[in-house]
C-alpha atoms as a PDB file:
ATOM      1  CA  MET A   1       4.138  13.928  16.157  1.00  0.00           C
ATOM      2  CA  LEU A   2       7.242  15.715  14.700  1.00  0.00           C
ATOM      3  CA  VAL A   3       5.781  15.569  11.127  1.00  0.00           C
ATOM      4  CA  VAL A   4       2.445  16.394  12.186  1.00  0.00           C
ATOM      5  CA  ALA A   5       3.929  19.721  13.867  1.00  0.00           C
ATOM      6  CA  ILE A   6       5.828  20.537  10.881  1.00  0.00           C
ATOM      7  CA  ARG A   7       2.607  20.370   8.614  1.00  0.00           C
ATOM      8  CA  VAL A   8       0.693  22.526  10.933  1.00  0.00           C
ATOM      9  CA  LEU A   9       3.442  25.194  11.418  1.00  0.00           C
ATOM     10  CA  ALA A  10       4.953  25.078   7.808  1.00  0.00           C
ATOM     11  CA  SER A  11       3.632  28.612   7.116  1.00  0.00           C
ATOM     12  CA  GLU A  12       5.615  29.966  10.039  1.00  0.00           C
ATOM     13  CA  LEU A  13       8.833  28.013   9.213  1.00  0.00           C
ATOM     14  CA  LEU A  14      10.529  30.309   6.619  1.00  0.00           C
ATOM     15  CA  ASP A  15      13.536  28.105   6.117  1.00  0.00           C
ATOM     16  CA  LEU A  16      11.627  24.787   5.974  1.00  0.00           C
ATOM     17  CA  GLU A  17      12.477  24.257   2.245  1.00  0.00           C
ATOM     18  CA  LEU A  18      16.071  25.079   2.758  1.00  0.00           C
ATOM     19  CA  MET A  19      16.314  22.473   5.887  1.00  0.00           C
ATOM     20  CA  ILE A  20      14.667  19.641   3.924  1.00  0.00           C
ATOM     21  CA  SER A  21      17.039  20.432   0.925  1.00  0.00           C
ATOM     22  CA  ALA A  22      20.107  20.134   3.270  1.00  0.00           C
ATOM     23  CA  MET A  23      18.754  16.933   4.683  1.00  0.00           C
ATOM     24  CA  PHE A  24      18.512  15.182   1.409  1.00  0.00           C
ATOM     25  CA  SER A  25      21.732  16.618   0.127  1.00  0.00           C
ATOM     26  CA  GLY A  26      23.423  14.992   3.171  1.00  0.00           C
ATOM     27  CA  SER A  27      21.721  11.680   2.437  1.00  0.00           C
ATOM     28  CA  ALA A  28      23.011  11.831  -1.186  1.00  0.00           C
ATOM     29  CA  ASP A  29      26.473  12.144   0.124  1.00  0.00           C
ATOM     30  CA  GLY A  30      25.943   9.290   2.455  1.00  0.00           C
ATOM     31  CA  TRP A  31      24.567   7.272  -0.496  1.00  0.00           C
ATOM     32  CA  ARG A  32      27.683   7.907  -2.745  1.00  0.00           C
ATOM     33  CA  GLN A  33      29.965   7.061   0.327  1.00  0.00           C
ATOM     34  CA  PHE A  34      28.306   3.681   1.010  1.00  0.00           C
ATOM     35  CA  THR A  35      28.156   2.520  -2.630  1.00  0.00           C
ATOM     36  CA  GLN A  36      31.826   3.187  -3.811  1.00  0.00           C
ATOM     37  CA  GLU A  37      31.954  -0.525  -4.884  1.00  0.00           C
ATOM     38  CA  PHE A  38      29.492   0.413  -7.791  1.00  0.00           C
ATOM     39  CA  THR A  39      31.344   3.208  -8.955  1.00  0.00           C
ATOM     40  CA  PRO A  40      33.817   3.446 -12.063  1.00  0.00           C
ATOM     41  CA  GLY A  41      36.938   1.623 -10.689  1.00  0.00           C
ATOM     42  CA  GLY A  42      35.137  -0.179  -7.890  1.00  0.00           C
ATOM     43  CA  SER A  43      35.019  -3.839  -7.183  1.00  0.00           C
ATOM     44  CA  PHE A  44      31.904  -4.538  -9.442  1.00  0.00           C
ATOM     45  CA  ASP A  45      33.325  -2.254 -12.120  1.00  0.00           C
ATOM     46  CA  LYS A  46      36.482  -4.498 -12.323  1.00  0.00           C
ATOM     47  CA  LEU A  47      34.789  -7.570 -13.024  1.00  0.00           C
ATOM     48  CA  THR A  48      35.275  -9.308 -16.321  1.00  0.00           C
ATOM     49  CA  PRO A  49      32.184  -9.985 -18.635  1.00  0.00           C
ATOM     50  CA  GLU A  50      32.817 -13.737 -17.838  1.00  0.00           C
ATOM     51  CA  GLN A  51      32.638 -13.027 -14.115  1.00  0.00           C
ATOM     52  CA  ARG A  52      29.430 -11.003 -14.273  1.00  0.00           C
ATOM     53  CA  SER A  53      27.846 -13.599 -16.406  1.00  0.00           C
ATOM     54  CA  ARG A  54      28.504 -16.396 -13.608  1.00  0.00           C
ATOM     55  CA  MET A  55      27.272 -14.086 -10.960  1.00  0.00           C
ATOM     56  CA  PHE A  56      23.743 -14.727  -9.430  1.00  0.00           C
ATOM     57  CA  ILE A  57      22.134 -12.070  -7.180  1.00  0.00           C
ATOM     58  CA  LEU A  58      18.511 -12.393  -6.182  1.00  0.00           C
ATOM     59  CA  ALA A  59      16.497  -9.515  -7.342  1.00  0.00           C
ATOM     60  CA  THR A  60      14.807  -9.434  -3.873  1.00  0.00           C
ATOM     61  CA  ASN A  61      15.873  -9.923  -0.471  1.00  0.00           C
ATOM     62  CA  ASP A  62      13.089 -12.473  -0.055  1.00  0.00           C
ATOM     63  CA  ALA A  63      13.090 -15.505  -2.313  1.00  0.00           C
ATOM     64  CA  ASN A  64       9.273 -15.667  -2.113  1.00  0.00           C
ATOM     65  CA  GLU A  65       8.824 -12.097  -3.074  1.00  0.00           C
ATOM     66  CA  GLY A  66       9.459 -12.743  -6.834  1.00  0.00           C
ATOM     67  CA  ALA A  67       6.937 -15.680  -6.688  1.00  0.00           C
ATOM     68  CA  LEU A  68       4.189 -13.602  -5.076  1.00  0.00           C
ATOM     69  CA  GLY A  69       4.648 -10.747  -7.547  1.00  0.00           C
ATOM     70  CA  SER A  70       4.402 -13.299 -10.524  1.00  0.00           C
ATOM     71  CA  TRP A  71       1.292 -14.836  -8.772  1.00  0.00           C
ATOM     72  CA  ARG A  72      -0.287 -11.267  -8.575  1.00  0.00           C
ATOM     73  CA  VAL A  73       0.284 -10.589 -12.448  1.00  0.00           C
ATOM     74  CA  HIS A  74      -0.850 -14.079 -13.123  1.00  0.00           C
ATOM     75  CA  ALA A  75      -4.123 -13.623 -11.102  1.00  0.00           C
ATOM     76  CA  ARG A  76      -4.633 -10.089 -12.745  1.00  0.00           C
ATOM     77  CA  PHE A  77      -4.765 -11.464 -16.211  1.00  0.00           C
ATOM     78  CA  HIS A  78      -6.386 -14.950 -15.461  1.00  0.00           C
ATOM     79  CA  PRO A  79      -9.052 -14.117 -12.780  1.00  0.00           C
ATOM     80  CA  ASN A  80     -10.551 -17.619 -12.912  1.00  0.00           C
ATOM     81  CA  GLY A  81      -7.050 -19.311 -12.531  1.00  0.00           C
ATOM     82  CA  THR A  82      -6.114 -21.120  -9.550  1.00  0.00           C
ATOM     83  CA  ALA A  83      -3.140 -21.134  -7.058  1.00  0.00           C
ATOM     84  CA  ASN A  84      -2.665 -24.822  -7.866  1.00  0.00           C
ATOM     85  CA  GLY A  85      -2.679 -24.184 -11.646  1.00  0.00           C
ATOM     86  CA  PHE A  86      -0.186 -21.201 -11.336  1.00  0.00           C
ATOM     87  CA  SER A  87       2.050 -23.411  -9.194  1.00  0.00           C
ATOM     88  CA  ASN A  88       1.815 -26.312 -11.748  1.00  0.00           C
ATOM     89  CA  LYS A  89       2.641 -23.882 -14.545  1.00  0.00           C
ATOM     90  CA  ALA A  90       5.554 -22.356 -12.705  1.00  0.00           C
ATOM     91  CA  ARG A  91       7.049 -25.770 -11.833  1.00  0.00           C
ATOM     92  CA  VAL A  92       6.860 -26.812 -15.579  1.00  0.00           C
ATOM     93  CA  GLU A  93       8.508 -23.516 -16.820  1.00  0.00           C
ATOM     94  CA  ARG A  94      11.343 -23.400 -13.932  1.00  0.00           C
ATOM     95  CA  ASN A  95      12.148 -27.197 -14.015  1.00  0.00           C
ATOM     96  CA  LYS A  96      12.081 -27.470 -17.993  1.00  0.00           C
ATOM     97  CA  THR A  97       9.478 -30.257 -17.659  1.00  0.00           C
ATOM     98  CA  GLU A  98       8.783 -30.073 -21.365  1.00  0.00           C
ATOM     99  CA  LEU A  99      12.459 -30.865 -22.284  1.00  0.00           C
ATOM    100  CA  PHE A 100      12.396 -33.636 -19.707  1.00  0.00           C
ATOM    101  CA  ILE A 101       9.302 -35.312 -21.186  1.00  0.00           C
ATOM    102  CA  GLU A 102      10.831 -35.151 -24.692  1.00  0.00           C
ATOM    103  CA  LYS A 103      14.002 -36.619 -23.413  1.00  0.00           C
ATOM    104  CA  VAL A 104      12.948 -39.422 -20.852  1.00  0.00           C
ATOM    105  CA  CYS A 105       9.148 -40.218 -21.112  1.00  0.00           C
ATOM    106  CA  THR A 106       7.856 -42.933 -23.485  1.00  0.00           C
ATOM    107  CA  ASP A 107       4.299 -42.901 -25.092  1.00  0.00           C
ATOM    108  CA  GLU A 108       2.963 -45.044 -22.441  1.00  0.00           C
ATOM    109  CA  ASP A 109       4.220 -42.688 -19.794  1.00  0.00           C
ATOM    110  CA  GLN A 110       2.409 -39.967 -21.254  1.00  0.00           C
ATOM    111  CA  LEU A 111      -0.751 -42.082 -21.889  1.00  0.00           C
ATOM    112  CA  TYR A 112      -0.653 -42.900 -18.181  1.00  0.00           C
ATOM    113  CA  VAL A 113      -0.521 -39.211 -17.151  1.00  0.00           C
ATOM    114  CA  MET A 114      -3.384 -38.071 -19.372  1.00  0.00           C
ATOM    115  CA  ARG A 115      -5.500 -41.217 -17.866  1.00  0.00           C
ATOM    116  CA  GLN A 116      -4.473 -40.065 -14.341  1.00  0.00           C
ATOM    117  CA  VAL A 117      -5.429 -36.232 -15.062  1.00  0.00           C
ATOM    118  CA  ARG A 118      -8.839 -37.377 -16.439  1.00  0.00           C
ATOM    119  CA  SER A 119      -9.521 -39.507 -13.394  1.00  0.00           C
ATOM    120  CA  ASP A 120      -8.686 -36.577 -11.150  1.00  0.00           C
ATOM    121  CA  GLY A 121     -10.824 -34.357 -13.280  1.00  0.00           C
ATOM    122  CA  ALA A 122     -13.786 -36.857 -12.834  1.00  0.00           C
ATOM    123  CA  ALA A 123     -13.548 -36.592  -9.208  1.00  0.00           C
ATOM    124  CA  GLY A 124     -14.703 -33.099  -9.381  1.00  0.00           C
ATOM    125  CA  GLU A 125     -12.260 -31.612  -6.907  1.00  0.00           C
ATOM    126  CA  THR A 126     -11.626 -28.522  -9.363  1.00  0.00           C
ATOM    127  CA  ALA A 127     -15.397 -27.982  -9.664  1.00  0.00           C
ATOM    128  CA  LYS A 128     -15.892 -28.043  -5.998  1.00  0.00           C
ATOM    129  CA  PHE A 129     -12.959 -25.680  -5.477  1.00  0.00           C
ATOM    130  CA  ARG A 130     -14.597 -23.235  -7.908  1.00  0.00           C
ATOM    131  CA  GLN A 131     -17.912 -23.420  -6.229  1.00  0.00           C
ATOM    132  CA  HIS A 132     -16.285 -22.631  -2.971  1.00  0.00           C
ATOM    133  CA  LEU A 133     -14.269 -19.858  -4.375  1.00  0.00           C
ATOM    134  CA  LEU A 134     -17.323 -18.094  -6.203  1.00  0.00           C
ATOM    135  CA  LYS A 135     -19.292 -18.529  -2.613  1.00  0.00           C
ATOM    136  CA  ALA A 136     -16.424 -16.740  -0.977  1.00  0.00           C
ATOM    137  CA  GLN A 137     -15.957 -14.079  -3.690  1.00  0.00           C
ATOM    138  CA  LYS A 138     -19.774 -13.337  -3.366  1.00  0.00           C
ATOM    139  CA  ALA A 139     -19.643 -13.131   0.399  1.00  0.00           C
ATOM    140  CA  ARG A 140     -16.550 -10.704   0.019  1.00  0.00           C
ATOM    141  CA  ALA A 141     -18.574  -8.508  -2.459  1.00  0.00           C
ATOM    142  CA  LEU A 142     -21.525  -8.176  -0.097  1.00  0.00           C
ATOM    143  CA  ALA A 143     -19.450  -7.345   2.671  1.00  0.00           C
ATOM    144  CA  THR A 144     -17.859  -4.615   0.621  1.00  0.00           C
ATOM    145  CA  ARG A 145     -21.073  -3.213  -0.335  1.00  0.00           C
ATOM    146  CA  GLN A 146     -22.115  -3.199   3.373  1.00  0.00           C
ATOM    147  CA  LYS A 147     -18.903  -1.506   4.235  1.00  0.00           C
ATOM    148  CA  GLN A 148     -19.548   1.165   1.654  1.00  0.00           C
ATOM    149  CA  ALA A 149     -22.928   1.647   2.827  1.00  0.00           C
ATOM    150  CA  ASP A 150     -22.082   2.116   6.397  1.00  0.00           C
ATOM    151  CA  THR A 151     -19.300   4.371   5.368  1.00  0.00           C
ATOM    152  CA  GLU A 152     -21.776   6.527   3.427  1.00  0.00           C
ATOM    153  CA  ARG A 153     -24.284   6.598   6.341  1.00  0.00           C
ATOM    154  CA  LYS A 154     -21.498   7.547   8.939  1.00  0.00           C
ATOM    155  CA  LYS A 155     -20.598  10.390   6.619  1.00  0.00           C
ATOM    156  CA  ARG A 156     -24.155  11.676   6.301  1.00  0.00           C
ATOM    157  CA  GLU A 157     -24.427  11.563  10.006  1.00  0.00           C
ATOM    158  CA  GLU A 158     -21.124  13.321  10.699  1.00  0.00           C
ATOM    159  CA  ILE A 159     -22.078  16.172   8.098  1.00  0.00           C
ATOM    160  CA  ALA A 160     -25.331  16.636  10.056  1.00  0.00           C
ATOM    161  CA  CYS A 161     -23.733  16.719  13.361  1.00  0.00           C
ATOM    162  CA  LEU A 162     -21.071  19.288  12.342  1.00  0.00           C
ATOM    163  CA  THR A 163     -23.626  21.308  10.526  1.00  0.00           C
ATOM    164  CA  ALA A 164     -25.536  21.542  13.708  1.00  0.00           C
ATOM    165  CA  VAL A 165     -22.451  22.395  15.837  1.00  0.00           C
ATOM    166  CA  GLY A 166     -21.478  25.093  13.270  1.00  0.00           C
ATOM    167  CA  LEU A 167     -18.103  27.188  12.989  1.00  0.00           C
ATOM    168  CA  ILE A 168     -17.262  29.131  16.014  1.00  0.00           C
ATOM    169  CA  VAL A 169     -15.115  32.299  15.327  1.00  0.00           C
ATOM    170  CA  ASP A 170     -14.918  33.473  18.926  1.00  0.00           C
ATOM    171  CA  ARG A 171     -11.346  33.027  20.246  1.00  0.00           C
ATOM    172  CA  ASN A 172     -12.503  33.353  23.798  1.00  0.00           C
ATOM    173  CA  VAL A 173     -15.007  30.556  23.313  1.00  0.00           C
ATOM    174  CA  ILE A 174     -12.442  28.364  21.490  1.00  0.00           C
ATOM    175  CA  ASN A 175      -9.954  28.846  24.355  1.00  0.00           C
ATOM    176  CA  LYS A 176     -12.555  27.223  26.776  1.00  0.00           C
ATOM    177  CA  MET A 177     -13.575  24.287  24.482  1.00  0.00           C
ATOM    178  CA  LYS A 178     -12.934  20.651  25.470  1.00  0.00           C
ATOM    179  CA  LYS A 179     -11.264  18.217  23.310  1.00  0.00           C
ATOM    180  CA  ASP A 180     -14.196  16.990  21.608  1.00  0.00           C
ATOM    181  CA  GLU A 181     -15.543  20.320  20.848  1.00  0.00           C
ATOM    182  CA  LEU A 182     -12.124  21.397  19.283  1.00  0.00           C
ATOM    183  CA  GLN A 183     -12.202  18.192  17.293  1.00  0.00           C
ATOM    184  CA  ASP A 184     -15.582  19.305  15.680  1.00  0.00           C
ATOM    185  CA  GLN A 185     -13.995  22.567  14.919  1.00  0.00           C
ATOM    186  CA  ILE A 186     -10.837  20.834  13.191  1.00  0.00           C
ATOM    187  CA  CYS A 187     -13.340  18.691  11.269  1.00  0.00           C
ATOM    188  CA  ILE A 188     -15.450  21.719  10.125  1.00  0.00           C
ATOM    189  CA  TYR A 189     -12.373  23.274   8.724  1.00  0.00           C
ATOM    190  CA  ARG A 190     -11.476  20.116   7.016  1.00  0.00           C
ATOM    191  CA  MET A 191     -14.757  19.227   5.742  1.00  0.00           C
ATOM    192  CA  PHE A 192     -16.449  22.400   4.870  1.00  0.00           C
ATOM    193  CA  LEU A 193     -13.566  24.822   4.345  1.00  0.00           C
ATOM    194  CA  GLN A 194     -11.091  22.540   2.882  1.00  0.00           C
ATOM    195  CA  ASP A 195      -8.475  24.036   4.965  1.00  0.00           C
ATOM    196  CA  GLU A 196      -5.236  22.742   3.152  1.00  0.00           C
ATOM    197  CA  VAL A 197      -2.926  22.581   6.107  1.00  0.00           C
ATOM    198  CA  LEU A 198      -5.317  20.540   8.151  1.00  0.00           C
ATOM    199  CA  LEU A 199      -6.180  18.223   5.201  1.00  0.00           C
ATOM    200  CA  GLU A 200      -2.503  17.254   5.258  1.00  0.00           C
ATOM    201  CA  VAL A 201      -2.737  16.005   8.750  1.00  0.00           C
ATOM    202  CA  LEU A 202      -4.249  12.957  10.010  1.00  0.00           C
ATOM    203  CA  LEU A 203      -7.020  13.537  12.744  1.00  0.00           C
ATOM    204  CA  LYS A 204      -5.398  10.653  15.007  1.00  0.00           C
ATOM    205  CA  ASP A 205      -2.056  12.554  15.037  1.00  0.00           C
ATOM    206  CA  ILE A 206      -3.697  15.450  16.619  1.00  0.00           C
ATOM    207  CA  LYS A 207      -4.178  13.857  20.081  1.00  0.00           C
ATOM    208  CA  THR A 208      -3.725  16.473  22.990  1.00  0.00           C
ATOM    209  CA  ARG A 209      -6.104  19.261  23.794  1.00  0.00           C
ATOM    210  CA  ALA A 210      -3.112  21.742  23.505  1.00  0.00           C
ATOM    211  CA  PHE A 211      -2.372  20.641  20.109  1.00  0.00           C
ATOM    212  CA  LYS A 212      -6.172  20.580  18.833  1.00  0.00           C
ATOM    213  CA  LEU A 213      -6.415  24.316  20.494  1.00  0.00           C
ATOM    214  CA  TYR A 214      -3.386  25.386  18.426  1.00  0.00           C
ATOM    215  CA  ALA A 215      -4.740  23.647  15.295  1.00  0.00           C
ATOM    216  CA  ALA A 216      -8.204  25.203  15.701  1.00  0.00           C
ATOM    217  CA  LEU A 217      -6.703  28.727  16.125  1.00  0.00           C
ATOM    218  CA  ALA A 218      -4.419  28.486  13.588  1.00  0.00           C
ATOM    219  CA  ALA A 219      -7.069  27.397  11.034  1.00  0.00           C
ATOM    220  CA  LEU A 220      -9.255  30.476  12.316  1.00  0.00           C
ATOM    221  CA  THR A 221      -6.467  32.683  11.620  1.00  0.00           C
ATOM    222  CA  ARG A 222      -5.812  31.137   8.014  1.00  0.00           C
ATOM    223  CA  ASN A 223      -9.275  31.488   7.133  1.00  0.00           C
ATOM    224  CA  GLU A 224      -9.801  35.059   8.370  1.00  0.00           C
ATOM    225  CA  GLU A 225      -7.195  36.336   5.751  1.00  0.00           C
END
């Protein structure tokens, strides 16, 4: 509610920019205070090149986060790939499987592996998976289209409803309005008049009648000028 109130009242808060600037300046001071070990002469700065090369710090707090990011990149460039294929490729690269094969496996071992792969392929598991995947993707596409159609229909109905209501500029009438009526006026300012202040505020955040009344009257004042 605080952020919403600030957005609505921004035009009346003359020192708002200075207050925000002071807040972030204080945050910068705090950041410098709590990151002293990274500054010149700090504990990390004093490490030798050998010590730094031996350090291992995860790039993320969650060990799975990096893997999920890699999967997203892989899926973007290989839309027909599977999670199983990505997992196999990642294991080969991470475990240096190719080097292990060259060092340990014999020709007989590799022949056995190739026969096993062909046997698994003949079972048609991959083809079945792709059929299920395509079916799921088609269902999702149809659901998305239906959702878009429903959204457009609701938008047309809303425009028709607000057009029938019309913009009220009589302050006495506005002061007597109920919550739903005030909501309609706010929507009219947002949709038809493109009121910049109200466009920055989420409708769900303007909850109480008092707040709706203030927002509607403030919008009326702005658009009278």
